[in-house]
Amino acid sequence: MYATTGLPVLVRDAIMLIARIGLGAIFIAHGWQKFSEWTVAGTTQSFHQMGVPASEVSAPFSTYVELIGGALLILGALTPLAGLLLAINMIGAMVLVHLDAGVFVDQGGWELVAALAAGSLLLAAAGPGRLSLDQLIFRGRKTGRRKRARAASRAAADA
């Protein structure tokens, strides 16, 4: 499931947990700002002024994906889905708002959204690590699949 890195498994899992907490906290902070400080209606108006298409849909999507997706990352729950939705959200922000402003975030550039998208994609692809709800919830399902795959492989070899 995970690429071999030469690091002990527990160290890799701890690193994944730290990465999930860091990214998740940033997403929650930005989603909370859109929700409580700016409000969803204010975020919608801001998106409209920035030229974001379908701001009536994209603003609530962005707000709730950042809030809920950030929490899911921290928990390591539904990580591939949360990571993918967060990456899509950040790639959209990069293309629609930040790309023309250059690289640096202090000039409205794309560096932060690109880093957040890359981290989210990495978690979506690599998984949350063993210190996660996904591991706790889905561990038995994977073990069952592996047992069935081994049994099918043995049956094919015996035939």
N, C-alpha and C. Protein backbone atom coordinates (compact mmCIF):
# COMPACT_ATOMS: atom_id res chain seq x y z
N MET A 1 0.81 -1.19 0.00
CA MET A 1 0.00 0.00 0.00
C MET A 1 0.86 1.26 0.00
N TYR A 2 1.97 1.25 0.71
CA TYR A 2 2.82 2.42 0.80
C TYR A 2 4.16 2.14 0.13
N ALA A 3 4.73 3.15 -0.46
CA ALA A 3 6.03 3.01 -1.11
C ALA A 3 7.10 2.78 -0.06
N THR A 4 8.10 2.03 -0.43
CA THR A 4 9.22 1.79 0.47
C THR A 4 10.10 3.03 0.49
N THR A 5 10.34 3.55 1.67
CA THR A 5 11.13 4.77 1.80
C THR A 5 12.42 4.54 2.56
N GLY A 6 12.57 3.39 3.15
CA GLY A 6 13.74 3.14 3.98
C GLY A 6 13.52 3.58 5.41
N LEU A 7 12.45 4.30 5.68
CA LEU A 7 12.12 4.71 7.03
C LEU A 7 11.31 3.61 7.71
N PRO A 8 11.45 3.47 9.00
CA PRO A 8 10.60 2.51 9.71
C PRO A 8 9.13 2.87 9.52
N VAL A 9 8.29 1.87 9.50
CA VAL A 9 6.86 2.07 9.24
C VAL A 9 6.25 3.04 10.25
N LEU A 10 6.60 2.92 11.51
CA LEU A 10 6.03 3.81 12.52
C LEU A 10 6.44 5.26 12.27
N VAL A 11 7.66 5.48 11.82
CA VAL A 11 8.11 6.84 11.50
C VAL A 11 7.32 7.38 10.31
N ARG A 12 7.12 6.56 9.27
CA ARG A 12 6.32 7.00 8.12
C ARG A 12 4.90 7.35 8.54
N ASP A 13 4.32 6.51 9.41
CA ASP A 13 2.96 6.79 9.87
C ASP A 13 2.89 8.08 10.68
N ALA A 14 3.89 8.32 11.49
CA ALA A 14 3.93 9.57 12.27
C ALA A 14 4.08 10.77 11.34
N ILE A 15 4.90 10.64 10.31
CA ILE A 15 5.07 11.72 9.33
C ILE A 15 3.75 11.99 8.61
N MET A 16 3.05 10.93 8.22
CA MET A 16 1.76 11.10 7.55
C MET A 16 0.76 11.80 8.48
N LEU A 17 0.77 11.44 9.75
CA LEU A 17 -0.12 12.08 10.72
C LEU A 17 0.19 13.57 10.84
N ILE A 18 1.48 13.90 10.96
CA ILE A 18 1.88 15.31 11.07
C ILE A 18 1.48 16.08 9.81
N ALA A 19 1.68 15.48 8.64
CA ALA A 19 1.30 16.14 7.38
C ALA A 19 -0.21 16.34 7.31
N ARG A 20 -0.97 15.32 7.72
CA ARG A 20 -2.43 15.44 7.70
C ARG A 20 -2.90 16.54 8.64
N ILE A 21 -2.32 16.61 9.82
CA ILE A 21 -2.72 17.64 10.80
C ILE A 21 -2.37 19.03 10.26
N GLY A 22 -1.17 19.18 9.72
CA GLY A 22 -0.76 20.48 9.19
C GLY A 22 -1.64 20.94 8.05
N LEU A 23 -1.83 20.09 7.05
CA LEU A 23 -2.68 20.47 5.91
C LEU A 23 -4.12 20.67 6.35
N GLY A 24 -4.62 19.76 7.16
CA GLY A 24 -6.00 19.87 7.61
C GLY A 24 -6.26 21.15 8.37
N ALA A 25 -5.33 21.55 9.24
CA ALA A 25 -5.49 22.79 10.01
C ALA A 25 -5.54 24.01 9.10
N ILE A 26 -4.70 24.02 8.07
CA ILE A 26 -4.72 25.15 7.12
C ILE A 26 -6.05 25.20 6.39
N PHE A 27 -6.52 24.04 5.92
CA PHE A 27 -7.81 24.02 5.21
C PHE A 27 -8.96 24.44 6.13
N ILE A 28 -8.97 23.93 7.35
CA ILE A 28 -10.03 24.31 8.28
C ILE A 28 -10.00 25.82 8.53
N ALA A 29 -8.82 26.38 8.73
CA ALA A 29 -8.71 27.83 8.98
C ALA A 29 -9.29 28.63 7.82
N HIS A 30 -8.96 28.24 6.59
CA HIS A 30 -9.46 28.97 5.42
C HIS A 30 -10.96 28.75 5.23
N GLY A 31 -11.43 27.53 5.46
CA GLY A 31 -12.86 27.26 5.36
C GLY A 31 -13.65 27.99 6.43
N TRP A 32 -13.10 28.02 7.65
CA TRP A 32 -13.77 28.72 8.75
C TRP A 32 -13.84 30.22 8.48
N GLN A 33 -12.77 30.76 7.90
CA GLN A 33 -12.77 32.18 7.54
C GLN A 33 -13.88 32.48 6.53
N LYS A 34 -14.01 31.62 5.53
CA LYS A 34 -15.08 31.81 4.54
C LYS A 34 -16.46 31.67 5.17
N PHE A 35 -16.59 30.75 6.11
CA PHE A 35 -17.88 30.46 6.73
C PHE A 35 -18.28 31.51 7.76
N SER A 36 -17.38 31.84 8.67
CA SER A 36 -17.78 32.67 9.81
C SER A 36 -17.40 34.15 9.67
N GLU A 37 -16.23 34.43 9.15
CA GLU A 37 -15.79 35.83 9.06
C GLU A 37 -16.39 36.51 7.83
N TRP A 38 -16.26 35.88 6.69
CA TRP A 38 -16.76 36.47 5.45
C TRP A 38 -18.20 36.06 5.18
N THR A 39 -18.66 34.99 5.72
CA THR A 39 -19.93 34.30 5.47
C THR A 39 -19.94 33.71 4.06
N VAL A 40 -20.76 32.72 3.88
CA VAL A 40 -20.84 32.08 2.56
C VAL A 40 -21.37 33.08 1.54
N ALA A 41 -22.33 33.92 1.95
CA ALA A 41 -22.85 34.93 1.02
C ALA A 41 -21.76 35.93 0.64
N GLY A 42 -20.97 36.35 1.61
CA GLY A 42 -19.88 37.28 1.32
C GLY A 42 -18.81 36.63 0.45
N THR A 43 -18.53 35.36 0.70
CA THR A 43 -17.56 34.62 -0.12
C THR A 43 -18.08 34.49 -1.55
N THR A 44 -19.38 34.24 -1.68
CA THR A 44 -19.99 34.14 -3.01
C THR A 44 -19.82 35.46 -3.76
N GLN A 45 -20.10 36.56 -3.08
CA GLN A 45 -19.95 37.88 -3.71
C GLN A 45 -18.48 38.14 -4.08
N SER A 46 -17.57 37.79 -3.21
CA SER A 46 -16.14 37.97 -3.48
C SER A 46 -15.70 37.13 -4.67
N PHE A 47 -16.16 35.87 -4.72
CA PHE A 47 -15.84 34.99 -5.86
C PHE A 47 -16.38 35.59 -7.15
N HIS A 48 -17.60 36.13 -7.08
CA HIS A 48 -18.20 36.75 -8.27
C HIS A 48 -17.36 37.93 -8.75
N GLN A 49 -16.90 38.76 -7.82
CA GLN A 49 -16.07 39.92 -8.17
C GLN A 49 -14.72 39.50 -8.75
N MET A 50 -14.22 38.34 -8.32
CA MET A 50 -12.94 37.84 -8.86
C MET A 50 -13.11 37.14 -10.20
N GLY A 51 -14.36 36.98 -10.63
CA GLY A 51 -14.62 36.33 -11.91
C GLY A 51 -14.67 34.81 -11.84
N VAL A 52 -14.84 34.27 -10.63
CA VAL A 52 -14.95 32.81 -10.50
C VAL A 52 -16.30 32.39 -11.05
N PRO A 53 -16.30 31.46 -12.01
CA PRO A 53 -17.57 31.01 -12.60
C PRO A 53 -18.47 30.33 -11.57
N ALA A 54 -19.76 30.46 -11.76
CA ALA A 54 -20.77 29.83 -10.90
C ALA A 54 -20.46 30.06 -9.42
N SER A 55 -20.24 31.31 -9.07
CA SER A 55 -19.86 31.63 -7.69
C SER A 55 -20.90 31.17 -6.66
N GLU A 56 -22.17 31.06 -7.08
CA GLU A 56 -23.23 30.59 -6.17
C GLU A 56 -23.00 29.13 -5.78
N VAL A 57 -22.30 28.40 -6.61
CA VAL A 57 -21.98 26.99 -6.33
C VAL A 57 -20.54 26.86 -5.83
N SER A 58 -19.62 27.57 -6.47
CA SER A 58 -18.21 27.40 -6.15
C SER A 58 -17.85 27.93 -4.76
N ALA A 59 -18.50 28.98 -4.29
CA ALA A 59 -18.18 29.51 -2.97
C ALA A 59 -18.61 28.56 -1.85
N PRO A 60 -19.86 28.08 -1.86
CA PRO A 60 -20.21 27.09 -0.83
C PRO A 60 -19.38 25.79 -0.95
N PHE A 61 -19.11 25.35 -2.19
CA PHE A 61 -18.27 24.16 -2.40
C PHE A 61 -16.91 24.37 -1.73
N SER A 62 -16.28 25.49 -2.03
CA SER A 62 -14.97 25.79 -1.47
C SER A 62 -15.01 25.86 0.05
N THR A 63 -16.01 26.54 0.58
CA THR A 63 -16.13 26.70 2.02
C THR A 63 -16.24 25.36 2.72
N TYR A 64 -17.18 24.54 2.27
CA TYR A 64 -17.46 23.28 2.96
C TYR A 64 -16.42 22.20 2.66
N VAL A 65 -15.86 22.21 1.47
CA VAL A 65 -14.78 21.26 1.18
C VAL A 65 -13.58 21.56 2.07
N GLU A 66 -13.27 22.83 2.25
CA GLU A 66 -12.13 23.19 3.10
C GLU A 66 -12.41 22.86 4.56
N LEU A 67 -13.59 23.18 5.06
CA LEU A 67 -13.93 22.88 6.45
C LEU A 67 -13.99 21.38 6.71
N ILE A 68 -14.83 20.70 5.96
CA ILE A 68 -15.06 19.28 6.20
C ILE A 68 -13.87 18.45 5.73
N GLY A 69 -13.35 18.79 4.56
CA GLY A 69 -12.19 18.06 4.04
C GLY A 69 -10.98 18.20 4.93
N GLY A 70 -10.77 19.39 5.49
CA GLY A 70 -9.66 19.59 6.42
C GLY A 70 -9.81 18.72 7.65
N ALA A 71 -11.03 18.65 8.19
CA ALA A 71 -11.29 17.80 9.36
C ALA A 71 -11.07 16.33 9.01
N LEU A 72 -11.54 15.92 7.84
CA LEU A 72 -11.35 14.53 7.41
C LEU A 72 -9.87 14.19 7.26
N LEU A 73 -9.08 15.14 6.74
CA LEU A 73 -7.63 14.89 6.64
C LEU A 73 -7.03 14.68 8.02
N ILE A 74 -7.36 15.54 8.95
CA ILE A 74 -6.80 15.40 10.30
C ILE A 74 -7.15 14.04 10.89
N LEU A 75 -8.39 13.62 10.73
CA LEU A 75 -8.83 12.34 11.26
C LEU A 75 -8.31 11.16 10.44
N GLY A 76 -7.89 11.42 9.21
CA GLY A 76 -7.50 10.33 8.33
C GLY A 76 -8.72 9.51 7.92
N ALA A 77 -9.82 10.20 7.65
CA ALA A 77 -11.08 9.55 7.30
C ALA A 77 -11.45 9.91 5.86
N LEU A 78 -11.78 8.91 5.07
CA LEU A 78 -12.11 9.11 3.65
C LEU A 78 -11.01 9.91 2.96
N THR A 79 -9.79 9.61 3.30
CA THR A 79 -8.63 10.40 2.88
C THR A 79 -8.50 10.53 1.36
N PRO A 80 -8.63 9.46 0.57
CA PRO A 80 -8.50 9.65 -0.88
C PRO A 80 -9.54 10.63 -1.44
N LEU A 81 -10.78 10.52 -0.98
CA LEU A 81 -11.83 11.42 -1.46
C LEU A 81 -11.59 12.84 -0.98
N ALA A 82 -11.31 13.01 0.30
CA ALA A 82 -11.05 14.35 0.85
C ALA A 82 -9.86 14.98 0.16
N GLY A 83 -8.77 14.23 0.00
CA GLY A 83 -7.58 14.77 -0.66
C GLY A 83 -7.85 15.19 -2.09
N LEU A 84 -8.61 14.38 -2.80
CA LEU A 84 -8.92 14.70 -4.19
C LEU A 84 -9.80 15.95 -4.29
N LEU A 85 -10.84 16.04 -3.47
CA LEU A 85 -11.72 17.22 -3.50
C LEU A 85 -10.96 18.49 -3.11
N LEU A 86 -10.11 18.38 -2.10
CA LEU A 86 -9.32 19.55 -1.70
C LEU A 86 -8.35 19.96 -2.81
N ALA A 87 -7.73 18.99 -3.47
CA ALA A 87 -6.82 19.30 -4.57
C ALA A 87 -7.56 19.97 -5.72
N ILE A 88 -8.72 19.46 -6.06
CA ILE A 88 -9.54 20.07 -7.12
C ILE A 88 -9.88 21.51 -6.76
N ASN A 89 -10.26 21.72 -5.51
CA ASN A 89 -10.58 23.06 -5.03
C ASN A 89 -9.38 24.00 -5.18
N MET A 90 -8.20 23.53 -4.79
CA MET A 90 -7.00 24.37 -4.86
C MET A 90 -6.54 24.60 -6.30
N ILE A 91 -6.66 23.59 -7.13
CA ILE A 91 -6.29 23.76 -8.54
C ILE A 91 -7.22 24.77 -9.20
N GLY A 92 -8.51 24.70 -8.85
CA GLY A 92 -9.46 25.70 -9.35
C GLY A 92 -9.08 27.09 -8.90
N ALA A 93 -8.73 27.25 -7.63
CA ALA A 93 -8.32 28.57 -7.11
C ALA A 93 -7.06 29.05 -7.83
N MET A 94 -6.14 28.13 -8.08
CA MET A 94 -4.90 28.52 -8.75
C MET A 94 -5.18 29.00 -10.17
N VAL A 95 -5.95 28.23 -10.90
CA VAL A 95 -6.21 28.56 -12.31
C VAL A 95 -7.09 29.81 -12.44
N LEU A 96 -8.13 29.90 -11.63
CA LEU A 96 -9.10 30.97 -11.79
C LEU A 96 -8.70 32.29 -11.14
N VAL A 97 -7.86 32.25 -10.10
CA VAL A 97 -7.59 33.46 -9.33
C VAL A 97 -6.10 33.80 -9.25
N HIS A 98 -5.26 32.83 -8.95
CA HIS A 98 -3.89 33.12 -8.54
C HIS A 98 -2.83 33.03 -9.63
N LEU A 99 -3.09 32.36 -10.71
CA LEU A 99 -2.06 32.08 -11.72
C LEU A 99 -1.48 33.35 -12.33
N ASP A 100 -2.31 34.30 -12.63
CA ASP A 100 -1.85 35.53 -13.28
C ASP A 100 -1.05 36.45 -12.34
N ALA A 101 -1.11 36.19 -11.04
CA ALA A 101 -0.45 37.06 -10.07
C ALA A 101 1.00 36.66 -9.80
N GLY A 102 1.48 35.65 -10.47
CA GLY A 102 2.85 35.20 -10.25
C GLY A 102 2.92 34.12 -9.18
N VAL A 103 4.12 33.86 -8.73
CA VAL A 103 4.36 32.75 -7.81
C VAL A 103 4.03 33.11 -6.36
N PHE A 104 4.47 34.24 -5.89
CA PHE A 104 4.53 34.51 -4.46
C PHE A 104 3.19 34.91 -3.86
N VAL A 105 2.87 34.28 -2.73
CA VAL A 105 1.58 34.46 -2.08
C VAL A 105 1.38 35.90 -1.60
N ASP A 106 2.44 36.60 -1.22
CA ASP A 106 2.28 37.98 -0.75
C ASP A 106 1.85 38.92 -1.87
N GLN A 107 1.92 38.43 -3.11
CA GLN A 107 1.45 39.21 -4.26
C GLN A 107 0.19 38.58 -4.87
N GLY A 108 -0.46 37.70 -4.10
CA GLY A 108 -1.66 37.02 -4.57
C GLY A 108 -1.35 35.84 -5.47
N GLY A 109 -0.10 35.39 -5.47
CA GLY A 109 0.35 34.32 -6.36
C GLY A 109 -0.12 32.93 -5.94
N TRP A 110 0.35 31.95 -6.70
CA TRP A 110 -0.17 30.59 -6.62
C TRP A 110 0.59 29.65 -5.71
N GLU A 111 1.65 30.08 -5.03
CA GLU A 111 2.49 29.14 -4.30
C GLU A 111 1.75 28.39 -3.19
N LEU A 112 0.91 29.05 -2.41
CA LEU A 112 0.20 28.39 -1.33
C LEU A 112 -0.81 27.39 -1.87
N VAL A 113 -1.62 27.80 -2.83
CA VAL A 113 -2.64 26.88 -3.34
C VAL A 113 -1.99 25.70 -4.07
N ALA A 114 -0.86 25.91 -4.71
CA ALA A 114 -0.15 24.81 -5.36
C ALA A 114 0.40 23.83 -4.33
N ALA A 115 0.97 24.35 -3.25
CA ALA A 115 1.50 23.49 -2.20
C ALA A 115 0.38 22.70 -1.52
N LEU A 116 -0.74 23.36 -1.27
CA LEU A 116 -1.88 22.67 -0.66
C LEU A 116 -2.45 21.61 -1.60
N ALA A 117 -2.53 21.92 -2.89
CA ALA A 117 -3.01 20.93 -3.87
C ALA A 117 -2.06 19.74 -3.92
N ALA A 118 -0.76 20.00 -3.97
CA ALA A 118 0.22 18.92 -4.05
C ALA A 118 0.16 18.03 -2.80
N GLY A 119 0.08 18.64 -1.63
CA GLY A 119 -0.02 17.85 -0.40
C GLY A 119 -1.29 17.02 -0.35
N SER A 120 -2.39 17.61 -0.80
CA SER A 120 -3.67 16.89 -0.82
C SER A 120 -3.63 15.73 -1.80
N LEU A 121 -3.05 15.95 -2.97
CA LEU A 121 -2.92 14.86 -3.94
C LEU A 121 -2.03 13.75 -3.42
N LEU A 122 -0.97 14.11 -2.74
CA LEU A 122 -0.08 13.12 -2.17
C LEU A 122 -0.81 12.25 -1.15
N LEU A 123 -1.57 12.88 -0.28
CA LEU A 123 -2.34 12.11 0.69
C LEU A 123 -3.42 11.26 0.03
N ALA A 124 -4.05 11.79 -1.01
CA ALA A 124 -5.06 11.01 -1.73
C ALA A 124 -4.44 9.76 -2.35
N ALA A 125 -3.23 9.89 -2.87
CA ALA A 125 -2.56 8.78 -3.53
C ALA A 125 -1.90 7.81 -2.56
N ALA A 126 -1.24 8.33 -1.54
CA ALA A 126 -0.46 7.49 -0.63
C ALA A 126 -1.30 6.93 0.51
N GLY A 127 -2.40 7.57 0.82
CA GLY A 127 -3.21 7.15 1.95
C GLY A 127 -2.79 7.89 3.21
N PRO A 128 -3.55 7.69 4.28
CA PRO A 128 -3.35 8.46 5.50
C PRO A 128 -2.31 7.89 6.46
N GLY A 129 -1.83 6.69 6.20
CA GLY A 129 -0.97 6.02 7.16
C GLY A 129 -1.80 5.20 8.14
N ARG A 130 -1.11 4.45 8.97
CA ARG A 130 -1.83 3.55 9.89
C ARG A 130 -2.48 4.27 11.06
N LEU A 131 -2.03 5.49 11.38
CA LEU A 131 -2.59 6.25 12.50
C LEU A 131 -3.76 7.09 11.99
N SER A 132 -4.82 6.40 11.58
CA SER A 132 -5.94 7.07 10.92
C SER A 132 -7.23 6.29 11.12
N LEU A 133 -8.35 6.99 10.97
CA LEU A 133 -9.64 6.31 11.00
C LEU A 133 -9.81 5.38 9.81
N ASP A 134 -9.29 5.78 8.65
CA ASP A 134 -9.38 4.90 7.47
C ASP A 134 -8.76 3.54 7.78
N GLN A 135 -7.62 3.54 8.41
CA GLN A 135 -6.95 2.28 8.74
C GLN A 135 -7.79 1.49 9.73
N LEU A 136 -8.33 2.16 10.71
CA LEU A 136 -9.14 1.50 11.73
C LEU A 136 -10.41 0.91 11.13
N ILE A 137 -11.08 1.67 10.28
CA ILE A 137 -12.36 1.24 9.72
C ILE A 137 -12.18 0.21 8.61
N PHE A 138 -11.23 0.46 7.71
CA PHE A 138 -11.11 -0.36 6.50
C PHE A 138 -10.07 -1.46 6.60
N ARG A 139 -9.35 -1.56 7.71
CA ARG A 139 -8.29 -2.56 7.85
C ARG A 139 -8.82 -3.97 7.62
N GLY A 140 -9.94 -4.30 8.21
CA GLY A 140 -10.51 -5.64 8.05
C GLY A 140 -10.91 -5.94 6.62
N ARG A 141 -11.40 -4.95 5.91
CA ARG A 141 -11.81 -5.15 4.51
C ARG A 141 -10.62 -5.49 3.64
N LYS A 142 -9.49 -4.81 3.85
CA LYS A 142 -8.30 -5.07 3.05
C LYS A 142 -7.74 -6.44 3.37
N THR A 143 -7.76 -6.80 4.65
CA THR A 143 -7.27 -8.11 5.05
C THR A 143 -8.11 -9.20 4.39
N GLY A 144 -9.42 -9.01 4.38
CA GLY A 144 -10.30 -9.98 3.73
C GLY A 144 -10.03 -10.08 2.24
N ARG A 145 -9.81 -8.95 1.58
CA ARG A 145 -9.49 -8.95 0.15
C ARG A 145 -8.19 -9.67 -0.12
N ARG A 146 -7.20 -9.43 0.74
CA ARG A 146 -5.90 -10.08 0.56
C ARG A 146 -6.03 -11.59 0.71
N LYS A 147 -6.80 -12.02 1.71
CA LYS A 147 -7.00 -13.47 1.91
C LYS A 147 -7.68 -14.09 0.70
N ARG A 148 -8.70 -13.42 0.18
CA ARG A 148 -9.40 -13.95 -1.00
C ARG A 148 -8.49 -13.99 -2.21
N ALA A 149 -7.67 -12.96 -2.37
CA ALA A 149 -6.73 -12.90 -3.51
C ALA A 149 -5.70 -14.02 -3.40
N ARG A 150 -5.18 -14.25 -2.19
CA ARG A 150 -4.22 -15.36 -2.01
C ARG A 150 -4.87 -16.71 -2.26
N ALA A 151 -6.10 -16.87 -1.78
CA ALA A 151 -6.80 -18.14 -2.01
C ALA A 151 -7.03 -18.37 -3.49
N ALA A 152 -7.42 -17.32 -4.20
CA ALA A 152 -7.65 -17.44 -5.66
C ALA A 152 -6.35 -17.75 -6.37
N SER A 153 -5.26 -17.15 -5.91
CA SER A 153 -3.96 -17.39 -6.52
C SER A 153 -3.53 -18.83 -6.30
N ARG A 154 -3.74 -19.34 -5.09
CA ARG A 154 -3.40 -20.76 -4.81
C ARG A 154 -4.26 -21.70 -5.63
N ALA A 155 -5.54 -21.38 -5.74
CA ALA A 155 -6.44 -22.24 -6.52
C ALA A 155 -6.02 -22.26 -7.98
N ALA A 156 -5.61 -21.12 -8.51
CA ALA A 156 -5.17 -21.07 -9.91
C ALA A 156 -3.88 -21.85 -10.08
N ALA A 157 -2.99 -21.79 -9.10
CA ALA A 157 -1.73 -22.51 -9.18
C ALA A 157 -1.94 -24.02 -9.09
N ASP A 158 -2.94 -24.45 -8.29
CA ASP A 158 -3.22 -25.87 -8.14
C ASP A 158 -3.92 -26.46 -9.37
N ALA A 159 -4.56 -25.62 -10.14
CA ALA A 159 -5.36 -26.10 -11.29
C ALA A 159 -4.49 -26.50 -12.45
